[in-house]
Amino acid sequence: MAEIHDDMATEKAAHETELRTLDRPTIRAGASTPWGMAQISRQFADGIVLHSTASHGGFHLAENANAIVHALYRDDTEFYEEDCEWAKVVHAFPHLFTTYERRLADRTLRDYFPDAYERVTGAILNGGQSHMRDRQEFESVHRNDWVVIAALNSDQQPGFVECIATLGGIRGEVGERRFLVPRSDYSIGRHGFVIDPLKHQPYDGPSSFVTWAARQ
């Protein structure tokens, strides 16, 4: 753990040092964005501005700057929200960002835009390299399995977790089933918990979900 902590501290220090070399002045706020009126705006370069609003934020690129974004990443609205799409701006203008930011952007593009990432970079994403690609693989493998969509510790059956599951974990399906899973077994994976019909028994008794809803 010490090595991991030291690596993070070193990366943060390098990030802070690089930030001091980048010019990101605050400019006049009040611009209209898809997320509301900008309260804080920072200019990363000519035609590249990061807006923050009361609820969200993201980059706005002028037409000439947006033309530089790879066609597979480009958004014709010229806005790139701060959760995922900001990474597309980093890809187009890496010199405006720190090494740390570029690393996060690369991970974000792999996680949320795997098809475009592979076509843009020529890379082949394998297991663990893309959250969305792994999710797609999980859904394909388990499309005929019962996957938990909701779970509560059972009040009626101490030591068990009451689970609601659907085939493939698809929400909104009418064919929901309930199962009891021992607490010692219930460890949610990255993409969900799969019912083992040989170990986890179907359950149609009194539901803890009813008492839980009544407490809300």
Protein backbone atom coordinates (compact mmCIF):
# COMPACT_ATOMS: atom_id res chain seq x y z
CA MET A 1 0.00 0.00 0.00
CA ALA A 2 2.89 2.34 0.73
CA GLU A 3 4.15 2.02 -2.84
CA ILE A 4 0.69 2.74 -4.24
CA HIS A 5 0.36 5.77 -1.96
CA ASP A 6 3.81 7.01 -2.96
CA ASP A 7 3.00 6.60 -6.65
CA MET A 8 -0.21 8.60 -6.23
CA ALA A 9 1.60 11.34 -4.32
CA THR A 10 4.30 11.53 -6.98
CA GLU A 11 1.72 11.71 -9.76
CA LYS A 12 -0.22 14.43 -7.93
CA ALA A 13 2.95 16.47 -7.39
CA ALA A 14 3.87 16.16 -11.06
CA HIS A 15 0.32 17.14 -12.01
CA GLU A 16 0.47 20.26 -9.85
CA THR A 17 3.85 21.19 -11.35
CA GLU A 18 2.56 20.80 -14.90
CA LEU A 19 -0.57 22.80 -14.09
CA ARG A 20 1.57 25.80 -13.18
CA THR A 21 3.03 25.78 -16.69
CA LEU A 22 -0.39 25.84 -18.37
CA ASP A 23 -2.30 29.06 -18.97
CA ARG A 24 -5.97 28.62 -18.11
CA PRO A 25 -7.21 32.11 -17.25
CA THR A 26 -10.67 32.74 -15.89
CA ILE A 27 -12.71 34.74 -18.38
CA ARG A 28 -16.04 36.49 -18.21
CA ALA A 29 -18.79 34.06 -17.16
CA GLY A 30 -22.44 34.09 -18.23
CA ALA A 31 -22.18 32.09 -21.45
CA SER A 32 -25.16 29.95 -22.38
CA THR A 33 -24.44 26.20 -22.29
CA PRO A 34 -26.53 23.01 -22.55
CA TRP A 35 -26.23 22.77 -18.76
CA GLY A 36 -27.35 26.30 -17.96
CA MET A 37 -25.61 29.64 -17.60
CA ALA A 38 -21.88 29.41 -16.95
CA GLN A 39 -20.82 30.57 -13.50
CA ILE A 40 -17.08 30.03 -14.06
CA SER A 41 -15.35 29.88 -17.44
CA ARG A 42 -11.69 29.10 -18.09
CA GLN A 43 -9.98 29.50 -21.44
CA PHE A 44 -7.58 26.69 -22.26
CA ALA A 45 -6.71 28.13 -25.68
CA ASP A 46 -8.27 30.22 -28.41
CA GLY A 47 -11.69 28.70 -29.04
CA ILE A 48 -11.43 26.16 -26.20
CA VAL A 49 -13.30 27.11 -23.03
CA LEU A 50 -14.29 25.04 -20.01
CA HIS A 51 -17.61 26.16 -18.50
CA SER A 52 -18.94 25.27 -15.05
CA THR A 53 -22.58 25.80 -14.17
CA ALA A 54 -24.62 25.26 -11.00
CA SER A 55 -25.35 21.67 -12.00
CA HIS A 56 -22.82 20.47 -14.56
CA GLY A 57 -20.29 21.67 -17.09
CA GLY A 58 -17.99 20.90 -19.94
CA PHE A 59 -15.98 22.24 -22.84
CA HIS A 60 -17.20 24.43 -25.64
CA LEU A 61 -15.10 24.42 -28.79
CA ALA A 62 -15.31 27.07 -31.46
CA GLU A 63 -15.93 25.79 -34.98
CA ASN A 64 -12.28 25.82 -36.02
CA ALA A 65 -11.22 24.02 -32.84
CA ASN A 66 -14.01 21.48 -33.13
CA ALA A 67 -12.84 20.62 -36.65
CA ILE A 68 -9.59 19.31 -35.14
CA VAL A 69 -11.41 16.73 -33.00
CA HIS A 70 -11.29 13.30 -34.66
CA ALA A 71 -14.43 12.66 -36.69
CA LEU A 72 -15.28 9.59 -34.60
CA TYR A 73 -15.14 11.69 -31.43
CA ARG A 74 -16.48 14.98 -32.78
CA ASP A 75 -19.76 16.38 -31.45
CA ASP A 76 -21.43 18.70 -33.95
CA THR A 77 -23.00 20.68 -31.08
CA GLU A 78 -19.42 21.77 -30.20
CA PHE A 79 -20.07 20.97 -26.50
CA TYR A 80 -18.34 18.17 -24.57
CA GLU A 81 -19.73 17.43 -21.10
CA GLU A 82 -17.40 16.98 -18.15
CA ASP A 83 -18.18 13.38 -17.16
CA CYS A 84 -16.96 11.52 -20.24
CA GLU A 85 -16.80 13.63 -23.38
CA TRP A 86 -14.12 15.97 -22.01
CA ALA A 87 -11.68 13.18 -22.84
CA LYS A 88 -12.31 13.74 -26.55
CA VAL A 89 -11.01 17.29 -26.17
CA VAL A 90 -7.90 15.99 -24.44
CA HIS A 91 -7.28 13.57 -27.30
CA ALA A 92 -7.49 16.42 -29.82
CA PHE A 93 -5.36 18.88 -27.83
CA PRO A 94 -3.02 16.86 -25.58
CA HIS A 95 -0.55 19.73 -25.19
CA LEU A 96 -3.17 21.67 -23.21
CA PHE A 97 -3.37 19.04 -20.49
CA THR A 98 -1.13 17.44 -17.88
CA THR A 99 0.22 13.89 -18.06
CA TYR A 100 -2.24 12.92 -15.33
CA GLU A 101 -5.18 14.41 -17.24
CA ARG A 102 -4.10 12.66 -20.43
CA ARG A 103 -3.95 9.34 -18.60
CA LEU A 104 -7.45 9.81 -17.18
CA ALA A 105 -8.73 10.85 -20.61
CA ASP A 106 -7.30 7.73 -22.24
CA ARG A 107 -8.98 5.56 -19.60
CA THR A 108 -12.27 7.40 -20.07
CA LEU A 109 -12.22 6.94 -23.83
CA ARG A 110 -11.48 3.22 -23.43
CA ASP A 111 -14.21 2.81 -20.81
CA TYR A 112 -17.05 4.67 -22.50
CA PHE A 113 -16.22 4.87 -26.22
CA PRO A 114 -14.47 1.54 -26.87
CA ASP A 115 -15.55 1.10 -30.50
CA ALA A 116 -14.39 4.58 -31.49
CA TYR A 117 -11.21 4.18 -29.40
CA GLU A 118 -10.19 1.04 -31.24
CA ARG A 119 -10.83 2.59 -34.65
CA VAL A 120 -9.00 5.81 -33.78
CA THR A 121 -5.96 4.20 -32.15
CA GLY A 122 -5.83 0.81 -33.86
CA ALA A 123 -5.66 -0.84 -30.43
CA ILE A 124 -7.57 -3.99 -29.50
CA LEU A 125 -9.15 -3.73 -26.06
CA ASN A 126 -8.96 -6.91 -24.02
CA GLY A 127 -10.62 -7.91 -20.75
CA GLY A 128 -10.38 -5.26 -18.04
CA GLN A 129 -9.34 -2.49 -20.43
CA SER A 130 -12.81 -1.05 -21.03
CA HIS A 131 -15.74 -0.86 -18.63
CA MET A 132 -18.33 -0.72 -21.41
CA ARG A 133 -16.73 -3.51 -23.43
CA ASP A 134 -16.59 -5.70 -20.32
CA ARG A 135 -20.22 -4.84 -19.58
CA GLN A 136 -21.23 -5.86 -23.10
CA GLU A 137 -19.36 -9.14 -22.68
CA PHE A 138 -21.05 -9.75 -19.31
CA GLU A 139 -24.50 -9.12 -20.80
CA SER A 140 -23.77 -11.46 -23.72
CA VAL A 141 -22.51 -14.29 -21.50
CA HIS A 142 -25.34 -13.96 -18.97
CA ARG A 143 -28.28 -13.04 -21.20
CA ASN A 144 -30.02 -16.31 -20.20
CA ASP A 145 -29.03 -16.17 -16.52
CA TRP A 146 -30.86 -14.57 -13.62
CA VAL A 147 -29.00 -11.38 -12.74
CA VAL A 148 -29.86 -9.37 -9.63
CA ILE A 149 -31.36 -5.91 -10.16
CA ALA A 150 -32.24 -5.18 -6.50
CA ALA A 151 -31.24 -6.66 -3.15
CA LEU A 152 -31.91 -6.19 0.58
CA ASN A 153 -30.85 -7.99 3.73
CA SER A 154 -33.84 -10.18 4.57
CA ASP A 155 -35.81 -9.35 7.72
CA GLN A 156 -37.68 -12.64 7.48
CA GLN A 157 -34.68 -14.86 6.74
CA PRO A 158 -31.72 -13.76 8.89
CA GLY A 159 -28.38 -14.35 7.26
CA PHE A 160 -29.80 -14.11 3.76
CA VAL A 161 -30.08 -11.41 1.10
CA GLU A 162 -33.41 -11.19 -0.68
CA CYS A 163 -32.78 -10.56 -4.38
CA ILE A 164 -34.95 -9.55 -7.28
CA ALA A 165 -33.53 -10.83 -10.56
CA THR A 166 -34.43 -10.82 -14.25
CA LEU A 167 -33.00 -12.70 -17.20
CA GLY A 168 -29.87 -10.88 -18.27
CA GLY A 169 -30.43 -8.25 -15.57
CA ILE A 170 -32.71 -6.28 -17.89
CA ARG A 171 -34.78 -3.78 -15.93
CA GLY A 172 -38.44 -3.43 -16.76
CA GLU A 173 -38.83 -7.10 -17.60
CA VAL A 174 -42.14 -8.56 -16.39
CA GLY A 175 -40.57 -11.92 -15.53
CA GLU A 176 -38.96 -10.92 -12.23
CA ARG A 177 -38.09 -13.63 -9.72
CA ARG A 178 -37.01 -13.47 -6.10
CA PHE A 179 -34.17 -15.48 -4.61
CA LEU A 180 -32.52 -15.92 -1.23
CA VAL A 181 -28.74 -15.71 -1.29
CA PRO A 182 -26.56 -16.32 1.79
CA ARG A 183 -24.87 -13.09 2.84
CA SER A 184 -21.53 -14.86 2.65
CA ASP A 185 -22.17 -15.53 -1.05
CA TYR A 186 -23.47 -12.10 -1.98
CA SER A 187 -20.50 -10.25 -3.40
CA ILE A 188 -21.43 -7.92 -6.25
CA GLY A 189 -19.04 -8.06 -9.16
CA ARG A 190 -18.19 -5.15 -11.39
CA HIS A 191 -21.28 -5.71 -13.53
CA GLY A 192 -23.70 -7.48 -11.24
CA PHE A 193 -24.47 -10.62 -9.26
CA VAL A 194 -25.49 -13.76 -11.14
CA ILE A 195 -27.82 -16.23 -9.45
CA ASP A 196 -26.51 -19.79 -9.22
CA PRO A 197 -29.62 -21.99 -9.49
CA LEU A 198 -27.77 -24.85 -7.79
CA LYS A 199 -27.00 -22.76 -4.70
CA HIS A 200 -29.55 -19.93 -4.49
CA GLN A 201 -33.12 -20.93 -3.86
CA PRO A 202 -36.17 -19.21 -5.35
CA TYR A 203 -38.23 -17.41 -2.74
CA ASP A 204 -41.91 -16.46 -2.70
CA GLY A 205 -42.38 -15.74 1.00
CA PRO A 206 -42.91 -12.42 2.82
CA SER A 207 -40.77 -9.75 1.22
CA SER A 208 -38.39 -7.33 2.91
CA PHE A 209 -38.92 -5.01 -0.04
CA VAL A 210 -42.46 -4.36 1.22
CA THR A 211 -41.28 -3.32 4.70
CA TRP A 212 -38.39 -1.33 3.21
CA ALA A 213 -40.78 0.65 0.96
CA ALA A 214 -43.04 1.34 3.93
CA ARG A 215 -40.13 2.92 5.81
CA GLN A 216 -39.33 5.35 3.01
